[in-house]
Protein backbone atom coordinates (compact mmCIF):
# COMPACT_ATOMS: atom_id res chain seq x y z
CA MET A 1 -0.02 0.01 0.01
CA PRO A 2 1.36 3.41 -0.78
CA LEU A 3 1.75 6.09 1.89
CA LEU A 4 0.26 9.64 1.86
CA CYS A 5 2.50 12.00 3.74
CA LEU A 6 0.41 15.27 4.54
CA ASP A 7 1.86 18.65 5.79
CA VAL A 8 -1.23 20.64 7.02
CA GLY A 9 0.08 24.06 7.02
CA SER A 10 -1.24 27.47 8.14
CA THR A 11 -1.66 28.45 4.40
CA TRP A 12 -1.35 25.14 2.40
CA THR A 13 -2.24 21.54 2.84
CA LYS A 14 0.43 19.46 0.90
CA GLY A 15 0.76 15.84 0.08
CA ALA A 16 3.27 13.34 -1.26
CA LEU A 17 2.12 9.93 -2.27
CA VAL A 18 5.14 7.54 -1.83
CA ALA A 19 5.47 3.87 -2.64
CA PRO A 20 6.77 1.56 -0.05
CA ASP A 21 10.20 1.44 -1.55
CA GLY A 22 10.38 5.12 -1.17
CA ASP A 23 9.75 6.14 -4.81
CA LEU A 24 7.64 9.48 -5.23
CA LEU A 25 4.59 8.93 -7.11
CA GLY A 26 2.94 12.07 -6.85
CA THR A 27 2.31 15.44 -5.03
CA ALA A 28 -0.78 17.86 -4.66
CA GLN A 29 -1.74 20.83 -2.67
CA HIS A 30 -4.70 22.57 -1.48
CA GLU A 31 -5.41 25.59 0.54
CA THR A 32 -5.70 24.73 4.12
CA THR A 33 -9.44 25.03 5.14
CA PRO A 34 -9.90 26.16 8.81
CA PRO A 35 -12.27 25.88 10.80
CA GLU A 36 -12.49 22.52 9.20
CA VAL A 37 -8.83 21.39 8.01
CA LEU A 38 -10.09 18.30 6.90
CA ASP A 39 -11.75 19.72 3.78
CA GLY A 40 -8.24 20.42 2.34
CA VAL A 41 -6.95 17.08 3.63
CA ALA A 42 -9.77 15.55 1.45
CA ALA A 43 -9.02 17.54 -1.66
CA VAL A 44 -5.32 16.46 -1.67
CA THR A 45 -6.24 12.86 -0.79
CA SER A 46 -8.68 12.61 -3.62
CA ALA A 47 -6.23 14.12 -5.95
CA LEU A 48 -3.61 11.65 -5.28
CA ALA A 49 -4.83 8.22 -3.98
CA ALA A 50 -7.66 6.21 -2.26
CA GLY A 51 -6.63 3.79 0.21
CA ALA A 52 -3.31 5.01 0.99
CA GLU A 53 -1.99 4.91 4.45
CA VAL A 54 -1.74 8.29 5.89
CA LEU A 55 1.21 9.96 7.82
CA ALA A 56 0.68 13.75 8.86
CA CYS A 57 2.08 16.57 10.46
CA SER A 58 0.92 20.18 10.95
CA SER A 59 1.80 23.58 11.60
CA ALA A 60 -1.64 25.00 10.99
CA GLY A 61 -2.61 27.59 13.50
CA GLY A 62 0.79 29.22 13.90
CA GLY A 63 2.63 26.22 14.92
CA LEU A 64 3.85 25.52 18.27
CA ARG A 65 4.83 28.51 20.41
CA LEU A 66 7.11 27.41 23.37
CA ALA A 67 8.43 29.15 26.36
CA VAL A 68 11.55 28.21 28.48
CA VAL A 69 11.73 28.98 32.12
CA GLY A 70 15.22 28.04 33.59
CA GLN A 71 17.61 28.96 36.16
CA GLU A 72 20.96 30.50 34.74
CA ARG A 73 20.37 32.50 31.66
CA LEU A 74 23.85 30.88 30.33
CA VAL A 75 23.45 27.28 31.48
CA SER A 76 19.90 25.81 32.33
CA ALA A 77 17.84 28.48 30.36
CA GLU A 78 20.29 28.15 27.48
CA ALA A 79 20.08 24.50 27.34
CA GLY A 80 16.24 24.63 27.39
CA TYR A 81 16.39 26.94 24.36
CA ARG A 82 18.86 24.61 22.53
CA VAL A 83 16.61 21.77 22.99
CA ALA A 84 13.88 23.99 21.49
CA LEU A 85 15.78 24.38 18.46
CA SER A 86 15.34 20.64 17.86
CA ALA A 87 11.85 20.17 18.93
CA GLY A 88 10.05 22.10 16.11
CA ALA A 89 9.08 24.83 18.17
CA LYS A 90 9.15 28.60 17.71
CA VAL A 91 10.52 30.05 20.98
CA VAL A 92 8.73 32.96 22.00
CA HIS A 93 9.92 33.56 25.69
CA VAL A 94 13.06 32.77 27.68
CA SER A 95 13.30 33.66 31.28
CA SER A 96 15.85 32.93 33.93
CA GLY A 97 16.06 32.95 37.66
CA ASP A 98 13.18 33.50 40.08
CA LEU A 99 9.97 34.05 38.39
CA ASP A 100 8.11 37.44 39.90
CA GLY A 101 5.20 39.13 38.90
CA ALA A 102 6.70 40.96 35.92
CA GLY A 103 7.84 37.74 34.75
CA ILE A 104 4.64 35.92 34.98
CA ARG A 105 2.93 38.86 33.07
CA ALA A 106 5.79 38.71 30.35
CA LEU A 107 5.16 35.03 29.98
CA ARG A 108 1.48 35.38 29.62
CA ALA A 109 2.08 38.27 27.01
CA ASP A 110 4.06 36.17 24.76
CA ARG A 111 1.34 33.35 24.57
CA PRO A 112 3.05 30.19 24.67
CA ASP A 113 1.23 26.92 23.72
CA ILE A 114 3.78 24.89 26.18
CA VAL A 115 5.92 25.91 29.04
CA LEU A 116 9.17 24.03 29.08
CA LEU A 117 10.41 24.22 32.82
CA VAL A 118 14.04 23.35 33.28
CA GLY A 119 16.77 24.17 36.08
CA GLY A 120 19.63 22.75 37.92
CA THR A 121 21.88 19.63 37.19
CA ASP A 122 20.87 16.26 38.52
CA GLY A 123 21.84 16.51 42.04
CA GLY A 124 22.62 20.18 41.87
CA ASP A 125 20.67 23.06 43.22
CA GLN A 126 16.72 22.55 43.41
CA ARG A 127 15.54 26.13 44.91
CA VAL A 128 14.92 27.87 41.56
CA LEU A 129 13.07 25.23 39.92
CA LEU A 130 10.87 24.64 42.93
CA HIS A 131 10.23 28.39 43.04
CA ASN A 132 9.33 28.44 39.53
CA ALA A 133 6.96 25.68 39.65
CA ARG A 134 5.11 27.24 42.88
CA LYS A 135 4.89 30.52 40.76
CA LEU A 136 3.50 28.90 37.55
CA ALA A 137 0.88 26.84 39.73
CA VAL A 138 -0.13 29.76 41.98
CA ASN A 139 -0.49 32.16 39.09
CA ARG A 140 -2.73 29.73 37.02
CA ILE A 141 -0.48 28.97 34.27
CA THR A 142 -2.89 26.62 32.28
CA VAL A 143 -0.82 25.78 29.12
CA PRO A 144 0.67 22.46 29.12
CA ILE A 145 4.25 22.25 31.00
CA VAL A 146 7.00 20.11 30.18
CA LEU A 147 9.20 19.42 33.54
CA ALA A 148 12.55 18.77 32.41
CA GLY A 149 15.00 19.94 35.11
CA ASN A 150 16.93 18.45 38.09
CA SER A 151 15.55 14.96 38.47
CA ASP A 152 16.26 15.18 42.30
CA ALA A 153 13.40 17.94 42.44
CA ARG A 154 10.85 16.14 40.22
CA ASP A 155 8.67 14.96 42.63
CA GLU A 156 8.24 17.93 44.57
CA ALA A 157 7.77 20.07 41.55
CA LEU A 158 5.08 17.67 40.28
CA ALA A 159 3.32 17.90 43.54
CA LEU A 160 3.38 21.87 43.10
CA LEU A 161 1.96 21.69 39.51
CA ALA A 162 -0.39 18.88 40.43
CA VAL A 163 -3.59 20.78 39.07
CA ARG A 164 -1.88 21.56 35.73
CA ASN A 165 -1.23 19.66 32.38
CA VAL A 166 2.38 18.50 33.34
CA VAL A 167 4.56 15.96 31.49
CA ALA A 168 7.58 14.93 33.56
CA THR A 169 10.74 13.82 31.55
CA ASP A 170 14.55 13.54 32.01
CA ASN A 171 16.69 16.59 32.79
CA VAL A 172 17.93 18.51 29.63
CA LEU A 173 21.06 19.27 31.41
CA PRO A 174 21.98 16.16 33.39
CA ASP A 175 25.55 17.48 34.18
CA VAL A 176 27.48 20.74 33.23
CA GLY A 177 28.09 20.90 29.51
CA GLU A 178 25.92 17.52 28.73
CA LEU A 179 22.94 18.33 26.82
CA ALA A 180 20.25 15.33 26.73
CA PRO A 181 17.67 16.93 24.31
CA GLY A 182 15.99 13.66 23.21
CA PRO A 183 13.39 12.85 26.43
CA ALA A 184 12.27 16.62 26.33
CA ARG A 185 11.70 16.59 22.59
CA ARG A 186 9.57 13.68 22.88
CA ALA A 187 7.77 14.95 25.77
CA ILE A 188 7.00 18.51 23.94
CA ARG A 189 6.01 16.45 21.09
CA ALA A 190 3.63 14.51 23.00
CA ALA A 191 2.20 17.62 24.73
CA PHE A 192 1.71 19.49 21.48
CA LEU A 193 -0.12 16.40 19.92
CA SER A 194 -2.47 16.03 23.05
CA HIS A 195 -3.18 19.69 24.09
CA VAL A 196 -2.17 21.89 21.27
CA ILE A 197 -3.42 20.46 17.84
CA GLY A 198 -6.84 19.87 19.47
CA GLY A 199 -7.05 23.23 20.86
CA LYS A 200 -6.41 25.58 17.98
CA GLY A 201 -10.06 25.23 16.36
CA LEU A 202 -8.67 23.64 13.27
CA SER A 203 -11.30 20.98 13.22
CA ARG A 204 -14.71 19.98 14.70
CA GLY A 205 -14.05 16.25 15.56
CA PRO A 206 -11.00 14.25 16.81
CA ARG A 207 -10.02 12.88 13.69
CA PHE A 208 -7.64 15.47 12.58
CA ARG A 209 -5.97 15.24 16.07
CA SER A 210 -5.59 11.50 15.66
CA LEU A 211 -3.78 11.86 12.10
CA VAL A 212 -1.34 14.29 13.24
CA ARG A 213 2.06 12.58 14.28
CA THR A 214 4.22 15.54 15.08
CA VAL A 215 4.57 19.38 14.31
CA THR A 216 5.96 19.95 10.87
CA PRO A 217 9.06 21.47 11.75
CA ASP A 218 10.15 18.17 13.77
CA ALA A 219 9.36 16.27 10.88
CA VAL A 220 11.42 18.35 8.59
CA LEU A 221 14.55 18.29 10.93
CA THR A 222 14.29 14.31 11.04
CA GLY A 223 14.23 14.66 7.40
CA VAL A 224 17.24 16.82 7.22
CA SER A 225 19.00 14.42 9.50
CA ARG A 226 18.32 11.50 7.36
CA LEU A 227 19.68 13.40 4.27
CA ALA A 228 22.74 14.14 6.20
CA GLY A 229 23.25 10.20 6.55
CA VAL A 230 22.50 9.74 2.96
CA LEU A 231 25.03 12.13 2.08
CA ALA A 232 27.77 10.57 4.24
CA ARG A 233 26.87 7.28 2.75
CA GLU A 234 27.60 8.84 -0.70
CA GLU A 235 30.85 10.35 0.81
CA GLU A 236 29.75 13.78 0.37
CA GLN A 237 31.89 16.07 2.80
CA GLY A 238 30.32 18.90 4.87
CA ALA A 239 27.17 19.47 6.78
CA VAL A 240 23.56 19.80 5.54
CA LEU A 241 22.10 23.38 5.59
CA VAL A 242 18.41 23.95 4.67
CA VAL A 243 16.71 27.40 4.48
CA ASP A 244 12.88 27.29 4.05
CA VAL A 245 11.53 30.63 3.07
CA GLY A 246 7.88 31.08 3.91
CA GLY A 247 5.23 33.74 3.85
CA ALA A 248 5.42 34.41 7.48
CA THR A 249 8.64 33.10 8.72
CA THR A 250 12.33 31.87 7.30
CA ASP A 251 13.33 28.50 8.99
CA VAL A 252 16.86 27.29 8.80
CA TYR A 253 18.03 23.71 9.62
CA SER A 254 21.42 22.44 9.95
CA ALA A 255 22.51 18.69 10.77
CA VAL A 256 26.25 18.11 11.66
CA SER A 257 25.62 14.72 13.13
CA THR A 258 27.73 12.99 10.30
CA VAL A 259 30.61 15.73 10.47
CA GLU A 260 33.65 15.38 12.38
CA GLY A 261 35.53 18.05 14.41
CA GLU A 262 32.38 20.02 15.77
CA ARG A 263 33.66 22.22 18.40
CA ILE A 264 31.86 21.62 21.94
CA ALA A 265 30.33 24.86 23.67
CA THR A 266 29.55 25.24 27.18
CA VAL A 267 26.17 23.80 26.70
CA ALA A 268 26.76 21.46 23.87
CA LEU A 269 24.31 21.95 20.79
CA PRO A 270 22.23 19.21 19.44
CA ALA A 271 23.88 17.80 16.35
CA ASP A 272 20.78 18.84 14.22
CA ARG A 273 18.97 21.98 14.87
CA ARG A 274 16.38 24.58 13.71
CA THR A 275 15.98 28.02 13.98
CA VAL A 276 13.11 30.48 12.84
CA GLU A 277 12.91 33.98 12.25
CA GLY A 278 9.41 35.28 12.90
CA ASP A 279 10.15 38.74 11.34
CA ILE A 280 11.61 37.54 8.02
CA GLY A 281 8.97 36.15 5.58
CA MET A 282 7.83 36.68 1.75
CA ARG A 283 4.31 38.05 2.60
CA TRP A 284 3.28 38.69 6.27
CA SER A 285 6.85 39.58 7.16
CA ALA A 286 8.12 41.26 4.22
CA PRO A 287 8.75 44.43 5.75
CA GLY A 288 11.05 42.63 8.33
CA ILE A 289 13.21 41.51 5.48
CA VAL A 290 13.84 45.21 4.39
CA ALA A 291 14.35 46.59 7.85
CA GLU A 292 16.79 43.81 8.75
CA ALA A 293 18.65 44.20 5.53
CA VAL A 294 19.14 47.72 6.10
CA ALA A 295 20.33 47.40 9.83
CA GLU A 296 22.80 44.73 8.43
CA ARG A 297 23.98 46.94 5.80
CA LEU A 298 22.94 44.45 2.86
CA ILE A 299 21.06 47.42 1.08
CA SER A 300 21.52 51.11 1.57
CA GLY A 301 18.44 52.58 -0.52
CA PRO A 302 15.47 50.65 0.54
CA GLU A 303 12.58 53.06 -0.83
CA ASP A 304 11.55 51.02 -3.69
CA LEU A 305 11.79 47.70 -2.04
CA ALA A 306 10.16 48.88 1.04
CA ALA A 307 7.10 49.82 -0.84
CA ALA A 308 7.01 46.55 -2.41
CA ALA A 309 7.46 44.75 0.77
CA LYS A 310 4.65 46.80 2.24
CA HIS A 311 2.36 45.90 -0.53
CA ARG A 312 3.21 42.21 0.01
CA ALA A 313 2.32 42.69 3.62
CA HIS A 314 -0.81 44.22 2.99
CA ASP A 315 -1.90 41.62 0.23
CA VAL A 316 -0.75 38.36 1.35
CA ASP A 317 -2.20 36.44 -1.58
CA PHE A 318 -0.14 38.42 -3.93
CA ILE A 319 1.07 36.48 -6.83
CA PRO A 320 3.89 38.21 -9.27
CA SER A 321 2.43 38.90 -12.57
CA THR A 322 5.22 40.41 -14.36
CA ALA A 323 9.03 39.74 -14.74
CA GLU A 324 9.65 42.74 -12.57
CA GLU A 325 7.50 41.56 -9.78
CA SER A 326 9.27 38.13 -9.95
CA GLU A 327 12.55 39.84 -9.67
CA VAL A 328 11.44 41.60 -6.43
CA ASP A 329 10.28 38.26 -5.06
CA MET A 330 13.63 36.80 -5.94
CA ARG A 331 15.47 39.90 -4.23
CA LEU A 332 13.55 39.43 -1.28
CA ALA A 333 13.95 35.63 -1.02
CA SER A 334 17.59 36.11 -1.34
CA LEU A 335 17.81 38.79 1.44
CA ALA A 336 15.40 36.60 3.78
CA ALA A 337 17.94 33.61 3.27
CA ILE A 338 20.97 35.41 4.03
CA LEU A 339 19.66 37.02 6.98
CA ALA A 340 18.14 33.96 8.42
CA VAL A 341 21.57 31.84 7.67
CA ARG A 342 23.59 34.45 9.31
CA ARG A 343 21.30 34.55 12.61
CA HIS A 344 21.50 30.72 12.60
CA LEU A 345 25.26 30.85 12.42
CA ARG A 346 25.29 33.21 15.30
CA LEU A 347 23.06 31.04 17.67
CA VAL A 348 24.95 27.90 16.85
CA ASP A 349 28.50 29.43 17.14
CA GLY A 350 29.15 28.89 13.61
CA GLN A 351 29.28 25.17 14.10
CA LEU A 352 28.75 23.56 10.91
CA GLY A 353 32.25 21.34 10.92
CA PRO A 354 35.40 22.12 9.45
CA LYS A 355 34.34 22.01 5.86
CA GLY A 356 31.18 24.18 6.24
CA ALA A 357 28.06 23.14 4.30
CA GLY A 358 28.43 20.42 1.69
CA LEU A 359 24.81 20.82 0.57
CA LEU A 360 22.45 23.87 0.88
CA VAL A 361 18.84 22.97 0.18
CA LEU A 362 16.66 25.97 -0.75
CA SER A 363 12.81 25.26 0.40
CA GLY A 364 9.99 27.28 -0.13
CA GLY A 365 7.38 28.35 -2.96
CA VAL A 366 9.34 31.30 -4.02
CA PHE A 367 12.41 28.71 -4.82
CA ARG A 368 10.06 25.73 -6.06
CA HIS A 369 8.66 28.26 -8.83
CA ALA A 370 11.49 30.13 -9.72
CA SER A 371 13.08 30.27 -13.13
CA ALA A 372 16.80 28.74 -13.65
CA ASP A 373 18.19 32.34 -14.13
CA GLY A 374 16.31 33.34 -10.96
CA LEU A 375 17.69 30.55 -8.85
CA ALA A 376 21.23 31.46 -10.36
CA ARG A 377 21.04 34.88 -9.10
CA VAL A 378 19.98 33.68 -5.70
CA GLU A 379 22.88 31.48 -5.59
CA GLU A 380 25.36 33.99 -6.79
CA THR A 381 23.99 36.30 -4.16
CA LEU A 382 24.24 33.83 -1.45
CA ARG A 383 27.82 33.01 -2.05
CA ALA A 384 28.87 36.36 -2.44
CA ASP A 385 27.95 37.31 1.24
CA PRO A 386 31.13 37.81 3.21
CA ILE A 387 29.65 35.90 6.13
CA LEU A 388 27.97 33.16 4.17
CA ARG A 389 31.12 32.81 1.60
CA PRO A 390 33.25 30.65 3.95
CA VAL A 391 30.22 28.34 5.02
CA LEU A 392 29.27 27.63 1.51
CA ARG A 393 32.70 27.82 -0.35
CA THR A 394 32.18 23.92 -1.36
CA ALA A 395 28.27 23.65 -0.83
CA ARG A 396 26.18 22.24 -3.59
CA MET A 397 22.85 23.81 -4.06
CA VAL A 398 19.50 22.20 -4.65
CA VAL A 399 15.88 23.23 -4.51
CA ASP A 400 13.54 20.94 -2.83
CA ARG A 401 11.09 21.22 -5.81
CA HIS A 402 8.75 18.55 -4.44
CA TYR A 403 8.94 19.19 -0.82
CA VAL A 404 10.28 15.74 0.33
CA LEU A 405 11.91 16.66 3.66
CA ALA A 406 8.77 16.71 5.83
CA PRO A 407 7.49 13.57 4.09
CA ALA A 408 11.09 11.84 4.55
CA GLY A 409 10.79 12.67 8.04
CA LEU A 410 7.30 11.30 8.61
CA LEU A 411 8.67 8.04 6.95
CA ALA A 412 11.63 7.74 9.27
CA ASP A 413 9.54 8.39 12.22
CA SER A 414 7.09 5.69 11.46
CA GLY A 415 9.88 2.97 11.04
CA ARG A 416 10.33 3.26 7.37
CA GLY A 417 13.76 4.67 7.26
CA PRO A 418 14.91 3.04 3.86
CA ALA A 419 12.17 4.58 2.15
CA ALA A 420 12.69 7.81 3.59
CA ASP A 421 16.41 7.75 2.40
CA ARG A 422 15.35 6.54 -1.20
CA LEU A 423 12.87 9.66 -1.48
CA LEU A 424 15.63 11.88 -0.39
CA GLU A 425 18.25 10.17 -2.70
CA SER A 426 16.08 10.39 -5.64
CA SER A 427 14.75 14.02 -5.05
CA LEU A 428 17.62 15.94 -3.68
CA VAL A 429 20.95 13.78 -4.11
């Protein structure tokens, strides 16, 4: 039986029909249809296949908004933040130290879907973790809480949080410098599926929640990690770098799990990670591209580009109809990619290994629908950037034209690793 891999996004619902051996049989997409997203799912399903097994991920309703509440800003809070990089979440709030009234108000204002509560190494200090658990309970923070701090304080913290939706898991920082993202990542995924997907008003019944296996960025990150493994077997050198430019955000993924020589930081990074830039995108966030490009001195006279970006933010359904409009879109996309990768490199301390990126994957509709000349200009612009130049000096560039990274992640997560690898190899390698 073929497998239908679905990604239900905020704007589009995309599907890929994959044979059991990983061959891509077809793709389709339909506008996402809240308040009943299953209508869009049905349209994609009918366009591709009947009777296929369905694997689904979703970022509809804005995806997963996560807050990190930690102990020390440079240790436990940083560890929680870096775990979130690998958990498919958009981190909207980070706090450290004792929560007070102002901290609670700031947390509420950032409207997280889930709170990741961390603090202390195993056997270390318990006071701040327990203080923050008490504050979250007393102030009626009702969103799900993932408790992933000092294991010695777990039972007391759970008692303080007893009236909340709490998932307890292993410490994200069991010892100084030792980051353990796996258990917390799985707990965040479970909380997302149990409490968040069902609470966004996306569907009237339980079927959609039962279909969705994970948040889309988590599926993509798994796909990126599998792609790194495929390239390693092909003996291609360097890390995998993926830039996904969307309408509202630009996501960057990097996978160095197969790269030797990675430098270890004070709080070690996950080998495969993701950052999201909520102010950089092709439509809703187009003005943010121009503002940040000016701040980074990538452009000096932004008047015309600023007007075009403002128009796109006001008309998010805008589709270029002339060569000039398409050229503006490609310029905005190039700037978005440069800015997002620069931020990603700063956050991960430039840790892509000694050879930089071996493969750069461009994703997003603006790249999938671009002409060969347009993509050549994008590549030239990225390679010329003084900060990206050393990272991309030996990188091969491809476009994820069939949007296979999320389907590959879904296949791998369902125990179909060889099919995932075959899909990636045939589409991107």
